[in-house]
Amino acid sequence: MTSEITWHKSSYSGNQGHCVEVSEGPTTGIRDTRHRGLAELSVPASEWTALLTALRTN
């Protein structure tokens, strides 16, 4: 069974036209909307949560 990845624009991207999309789950995917097909980063969900927490507190 193949599961489809659902991407959404990160709320941190703003409206500048340079956006980041994320796909959240056990592993979080991160990609640039201008270069979707080139590459993506994959990190454990706990690391993604830690990054967002750090951004909110700084």
PDB file of N, CA and C in Angstrom:
ATOM      1  N   MET A   1       0.843  -1.179   0.000  1.00  0.00           N
ATOM      2  CA  MET A   1       0.000   0.000   0.000  1.00  0.00           C
ATOM      3  C   MET A   1       0.889   1.242   0.000  1.00  0.00           C
ATOM      4  N   THR A   2       0.643   2.157  -0.921  1.00  0.00           N
ATOM      5  CA  THR A   2       1.420   3.384  -1.043  1.00  0.00           C
ATOM      6  C   THR A   2       0.633   4.539  -0.443  1.00  0.00           C
ATOM      7  N   SER A   3       1.274   5.291   0.427  1.00  0.00           N
ATOM      8  CA  SER A   3       0.610   6.464   0.985  1.00  0.00           C
ATOM      9  C   SER A   3       1.088   7.704   0.244  1.00  0.00           C
ATOM     10  N   GLU A   4       0.190   8.615  -0.003  1.00  0.00           N
ATOM     11  CA  GLU A   4       0.507   9.843  -0.707  1.00  0.00           C
ATOM     12  C   GLU A   4       0.993  10.896   0.288  1.00  0.00           C
ATOM     13  N   ILE A   5       2.039  11.599  -0.085  1.00  0.00           N
ATOM     14  CA  ILE A   5       2.577  12.660   0.762  1.00  0.00           C
ATOM     15  C   ILE A   5       1.777  13.932   0.515  1.00  0.00           C
ATOM     16  N   THR A   6       1.353  14.572   1.596  1.00  0.00           N
ATOM     17  CA  THR A   6       0.612  15.826   1.501  1.00  0.00           C
ATOM     18  C   THR A   6       1.521  16.962   1.948  1.00  0.00           C
ATOM     19  N   TRP A   7       1.748  17.907   1.056  1.00  0.00           N
ATOM     20  CA  TRP A   7       2.588  19.062   1.335  1.00  0.00           C
ATOM     21  C   TRP A   7       1.712  20.280   1.601  1.00  0.00           C
ATOM     22  N   HIS A   8       2.184  21.175   2.485  1.00  0.00           N
ATOM     23  CA  HIS A   8       1.506  22.454   2.681  1.00  0.00           C
ATOM     24  C   HIS A   8       2.537  23.543   2.925  1.00  0.00           C
ATOM     25  N   LYS A   9       2.169  24.757   2.580  1.00  0.00           N
ATOM     26  CA  LYS A   9       3.065  25.893   2.755  1.00  0.00           C
ATOM     27  C   LYS A   9       3.248  26.169   4.244  1.00  0.00           C
ATOM     28  N   SER A  10       4.475  26.333   4.646  1.00  0.00           N
ATOM     29  CA  SER A  10       4.766  26.651   6.038  1.00  0.00           C
ATOM     30  C   SER A  10       4.228  28.038   6.376  1.00  0.00           C
ATOM     31  N   SER A  11       3.632  28.164   7.544  1.00  0.00           N
ATOM     32  CA  SER A  11       3.104  29.471   7.965  1.00  0.00           C
ATOM     33  C   SER A  11       4.223  30.475   8.192  1.00  0.00           C
ATOM     34  N   TYR A  12       5.452  30.025   8.308  1.00  0.00           N
ATOM     35  CA  TYR A  12       6.604  30.918   8.479  1.00  0.00           C
ATOM     36  C   TYR A  12       7.070  31.515   7.161  1.00  0.00           C
ATOM     37  N   SER A  13       6.523  31.074   6.031  1.00  0.00           N
ATOM     38  CA  SER A  13       6.987  31.544   4.730  1.00  0.00           C
ATOM     39  C   SER A  13       6.548  32.964   4.414  1.00  0.00           C
ATOM     40  N   GLY A  14       5.440  33.406   4.950  1.00  0.00           N
ATOM     41  CA  GLY A  14       4.961  34.749   4.636  1.00  0.00           C
ATOM     42  C   GLY A  14       4.453  34.838   3.218  1.00  0.00           C
ATOM     43  N   ASN A  15       4.447  36.040   2.677  1.00  0.00           N
ATOM     44  CA  ASN A  15       3.923  36.269   1.322  1.00  0.00           C
ATOM     45  C   ASN A  15       4.977  36.841   0.392  1.00  0.00           C
ATOM     46  N   GLN A  16       6.228  36.484   0.576  1.00  0.00           N
ATOM     47  CA  GLN A  16       7.312  37.027  -0.220  1.00  0.00           C
ATOM     48  C   GLN A  16       7.542  36.286  -1.538  1.00  0.00           C
ATOM     49  N   GLY A  17       6.882  35.180  -1.754  1.00  0.00           N
ATOM     50  CA  GLY A  17       7.076  34.415  -2.978  1.00  0.00           C
ATOM     51  C   GLY A  17       8.166  33.362  -2.863  1.00  0.00           C
ATOM     52  N   HIS A  18       8.950  33.404  -1.813  1.00  0.00           N
ATOM     53  CA  HIS A  18       9.980  32.403  -1.548  1.00  0.00           C
ATOM     54  C   HIS A  18       9.449  31.537  -0.419  1.00  0.00           C
ATOM     55  N   CYS A  19       8.832  30.437  -0.766  1.00  0.00           N
ATOM     56  CA  CYS A  19       8.096  29.652   0.220  1.00  0.00           C
ATOM     57  C   CYS A  19       8.767  28.320   0.523  1.00  0.00           C
ATOM     58  N   VAL A  20       8.470  27.844   1.696  1.00  0.00           N
ATOM     59  CA  VAL A  20       8.899  26.526   2.142  1.00  0.00           C
ATOM     60  C   VAL A  20       7.646  25.698   2.343  1.00  0.00           C
ATOM     61  N   GLU A  21       7.670  24.478   1.831  1.00  0.00           N
ATOM     62  CA  GLU A  21       6.568  23.540   2.047  1.00  0.00           C
ATOM     63  C   GLU A  21       7.046  22.439   2.974  1.00  0.00           C
ATOM     64  N   VAL A  22       6.127  21.940   3.773  1.00  0.00           N
ATOM     65  CA  VAL A  22       6.444  20.841   4.676  1.00  0.00           C
ATOM     66  C   VAL A  22       5.412  19.733   4.511  1.00  0.00           C
ATOM     67  N   SER A  23       5.857  18.534   4.804  1.00  0.00           N
ATOM     68  CA  SER A  23       4.993  17.361   4.849  1.00  0.00           C
ATOM     69  C   SER A  23       5.244  16.734   6.209  1.00  0.00           C
ATOM     70  N   GLU A  24       4.250  16.821   7.072  1.00  0.00           N
ATOM     71  CA  GLU A  24       4.446  16.394   8.453  1.00  0.00           C
ATOM     72  C   GLU A  24       3.930  14.983   8.689  1.00  0.00           C
ATOM     73  N   GLY A  25       4.644  14.272   9.522  1.00  0.00           N
ATOM     74  CA  GLY A  25       4.327  12.895   9.885  1.00  0.00           C
ATOM     75  C   GLY A  25       5.445  12.396  10.771  1.00  0.00           C
ATOM     76  N   PRO A  26       5.678  11.093  10.857  1.00  0.00           N
ATOM     77  CA  PRO A  26       6.798  10.578  11.653  1.00  0.00           C
ATOM     78  C   PRO A  26       8.132  11.163  11.193  1.00  0.00           C
ATOM     79  N   THR A  27       8.224  11.402   9.883  1.00  0.00           N
ATOM     80  CA  THR A  27       9.360  12.114   9.293  1.00  0.00           C
ATOM     81  C   THR A  27       8.795  13.351   8.618  1.00  0.00           C
ATOM     82  N   THR A  28       9.426  14.498   8.850  1.00  0.00           N
ATOM     83  CA  THR A  28       8.963  15.745   8.256  1.00  0.00           C
ATOM     84  C   THR A  28       9.810  16.053   7.026  1.00  0.00           C
ATOM     85  N   GLY A  29       9.135  16.271   5.907  1.00  0.00           N
ATOM     86  CA  GLY A  29       9.812  16.668   4.678  1.00  0.00           C
ATOM     87  C   GLY A  29       9.765  18.181   4.545  1.00  0.00           C
ATOM     88  N   ILE A  30      10.837  18.761   4.037  1.00  0.00           N
ATOM     89  CA  ILE A  30      10.943  20.215   3.870  1.00  0.00           C
ATOM     90  C   ILE A  30      11.488  20.462   2.467  1.00  0.00           C
ATOM     91  N   ARG A  31      10.828  21.351   1.706  1.00  0.00           N
ATOM     92  CA  ARG A  31      11.308  21.651   0.360  1.00  0.00           C
ATOM     93  C   ARG A  31      11.008  23.095  -0.021  1.00  0.00           C
ATOM     94  N   ASP A  32      11.734  23.581  -1.005  1.00  0.00           N
ATOM     95  CA  ASP A  32      11.578  24.933  -1.551  1.00  0.00           C
ATOM     96  C   ASP A  32      10.526  24.870  -2.652  1.00  0.00           C
ATOM     97  N   THR A  33       9.534  25.750  -2.607  1.00  0.00           N
ATOM     98  CA  THR A  33       8.469  25.710  -3.608  1.00  0.00           C
ATOM     99  C   THR A  33       8.966  26.065  -5.005  1.00  0.00           C
ATOM    100  N   ARG A  34      10.043  26.809  -5.103  1.00  0.00           N
ATOM    101  CA  ARG A  34      10.568  27.161  -6.428  1.00  0.00           C
ATOM    102  C   ARG A  34      11.347  26.014  -7.065  1.00  0.00           C
ATOM    103  N   HIS A  35      11.765  25.034  -6.268  1.00  0.00           N
ATOM    104  CA  HIS A  35      12.575  23.929  -6.780  1.00  0.00           C
ATOM    105  C   HIS A  35      12.069  22.603  -6.219  1.00  0.00           C
ATOM    106  N   ARG A  36      10.790  22.363  -6.322  1.00  0.00           N
ATOM    107  CA  ARG A  36      10.162  21.172  -5.737  1.00  0.00           C
ATOM    108  C   ARG A  36      10.802  19.868  -6.190  1.00  0.00           C
ATOM    109  N   GLY A  37      11.161  19.789  -7.431  1.00  0.00           N
ATOM    110  CA  GLY A  37      11.668  18.543  -7.971  1.00  0.00           C
ATOM    111  C   GLY A  37      13.139  18.270  -7.708  1.00  0.00           C
ATOM    112  N   LEU A  38      13.865  19.251  -7.213  1.00  0.00           N
ATOM    113  CA  LEU A  38      15.305  19.067  -7.050  1.00  0.00           C
ATOM    114  C   LEU A  38      15.673  18.244  -5.828  1.00  0.00           C
ATOM    115  N   ALA A  39      15.138  18.623  -4.679  1.00  0.00           N
ATOM    116  CA  ALA A  39      15.522  17.920  -3.457  1.00  0.00           C
ATOM    117  C   ALA A  39      14.597  18.306  -2.321  1.00  0.00           C
ATOM    118  N   GLU A  40      14.660  17.515  -1.282  1.00  0.00           N
ATOM    119  CA  GLU A  40      13.937  17.836  -0.056  1.00  0.00           C
ATOM    120  C   GLU A  40      14.768  17.335   1.113  1.00  0.00           C
ATOM    121  N   LEU A  41      14.568  17.961   2.239  1.00  0.00           N
ATOM    122  CA  LEU A  41      15.191  17.510   3.473  1.00  0.00           C
ATOM    123  C   LEU A  41      14.191  16.652   4.223  1.00  0.00           C
ATOM    124  N   SER A  42      14.653  15.639   4.880  1.00  0.00           N
ATOM    125  CA  SER A  42      13.796  14.808   5.719  1.00  0.00           C
ATOM    126  C   SER A  42      14.420  14.737   7.102  1.00  0.00           C
ATOM    127  N   VAL A  43      13.628  15.075   8.107  1.00  0.00           N
ATOM    128  CA  VAL A  43      14.110  15.049   9.490  1.00  0.00           C
ATOM    129  C   VAL A  43      13.066  14.365  10.364  1.00  0.00           C
ATOM    130  N   PRO A  44      13.497  13.771  11.472  1.00  0.00           N
ATOM    131  CA  PRO A  44      12.520  13.193  12.397  1.00  0.00           C
ATOM    132  C   PRO A  44      11.556  14.283  12.894  1.00  0.00           C
ATOM    133  N   ALA A  45      10.321  13.919  13.103  1.00  0.00           N
ATOM    134  CA  ALA A  45       9.305  14.879  13.549  1.00  0.00           C
ATOM    135  C   ALA A  45       9.726  15.585  14.832  1.00  0.00           C
ATOM    136  N   SER A  46      10.421  14.881  15.717  1.00  0.00           N
ATOM    137  CA  SER A  46      10.855  15.503  16.971  1.00  0.00           C
ATOM    138  C   SER A  46      11.843  16.631  16.716  1.00  0.00           C
ATOM    139  N   GLU A  47      12.685  16.503  15.699  1.00  0.00           N
ATOM    140  CA  GLU A  47      13.641  17.560  15.364  1.00  0.00           C
ATOM    141  C   GLU A  47      12.930  18.768  14.751  1.00  0.00           C
ATOM    142  N   TRP A  48      11.926  18.511  13.928  1.00  0.00           N
ATOM    143  CA  TRP A  48      11.139  19.593  13.338  1.00  0.00           C
ATOM    144  C   TRP A  48      10.423  20.376  14.444  1.00  0.00           C
ATOM    145  N   THR A  49       9.842  19.662  15.386  1.00  0.00           N
ATOM    146  CA  THR A  49       9.168  20.301  16.524  1.00  0.00           C
ATOM    147  C   THR A  49      10.154  21.129  17.338  1.00  0.00           C
ATOM    148  N   ALA A  50      11.355  20.605  17.557  1.00  0.00           N
ATOM    149  CA  ALA A  50      12.375  21.341  18.308  1.00  0.00           C
ATOM    150  C   ALA A  50      12.775  22.611  17.573  1.00  0.00           C
ATOM    151  N   LEU A  51      12.904  22.560  16.258  1.00  0.00           N
ATOM    152  CA  LEU A  51      13.237  23.752  15.473  1.00  0.00           C
ATOM    153  C   LEU A  51      12.150  24.803  15.599  1.00  0.00           C
ATOM    154  N   LEU A  52      10.885  24.392  15.436  1.00  0.00           N
ATOM    155  CA  LEU A  52       9.778  25.354  15.541  1.00  0.00           C
ATOM    156  C   LEU A  52       9.713  25.966  16.928  1.00  0.00           C
ATOM    157  N   THR A  53       9.951  25.176  17.946  1.00  0.00           N
ATOM    158  CA  THR A  53       9.949  25.683  19.328  1.00  0.00           C
ATOM    159  C   THR A  53      11.056  26.715  19.509  1.00  0.00           C
ATOM    160  N   ALA A  54      12.230  26.426  18.984  1.00  0.00           N
ATOM    161  CA  ALA A  54      13.357  27.362  19.074  1.00  0.00           C
ATOM    162  C   ALA A  54      13.053  28.662  18.334  1.00  0.00           C
ATOM    163  N   LEU A  55      12.435  28.580  17.173  1.00  0.00           N
ATOM    164  CA  LEU A  55      12.084  29.780  16.418  1.00  0.00           C
ATOM    165  C   LEU A  55      11.062  30.636  17.160  1.00  0.00           C
ATOM    166  N   ARG A  56      10.140  30.000  17.806  1.00  0.00           N
ATOM    167  CA  ARG A  56       9.104  30.740  18.536  1.00  0.00           C
ATOM    168  C   ARG A  56       9.650  31.448  19.771  1.00  0.00           C
ATOM    169  N   THR A  57      10.687  30.885  20.389  1.00  0.00           N
ATOM    170  CA  THR A  57      11.209  31.451  21.629  1.00  0.00           C
ATOM    171  C   THR A  57      12.317  32.471  21.392  1.00  0.00           C
ATOM    172  N   ASN A  58      12.795  32.588  20.179  1.00  0.00           N
ATOM    173  CA  ASN A  58      13.872  33.553  19.887  1.00  0.00           C
ATOM    174  C   ASN A  58      13.390  34.747  19.168  1.00  0.00           C
TER     175      ASN A  58
END
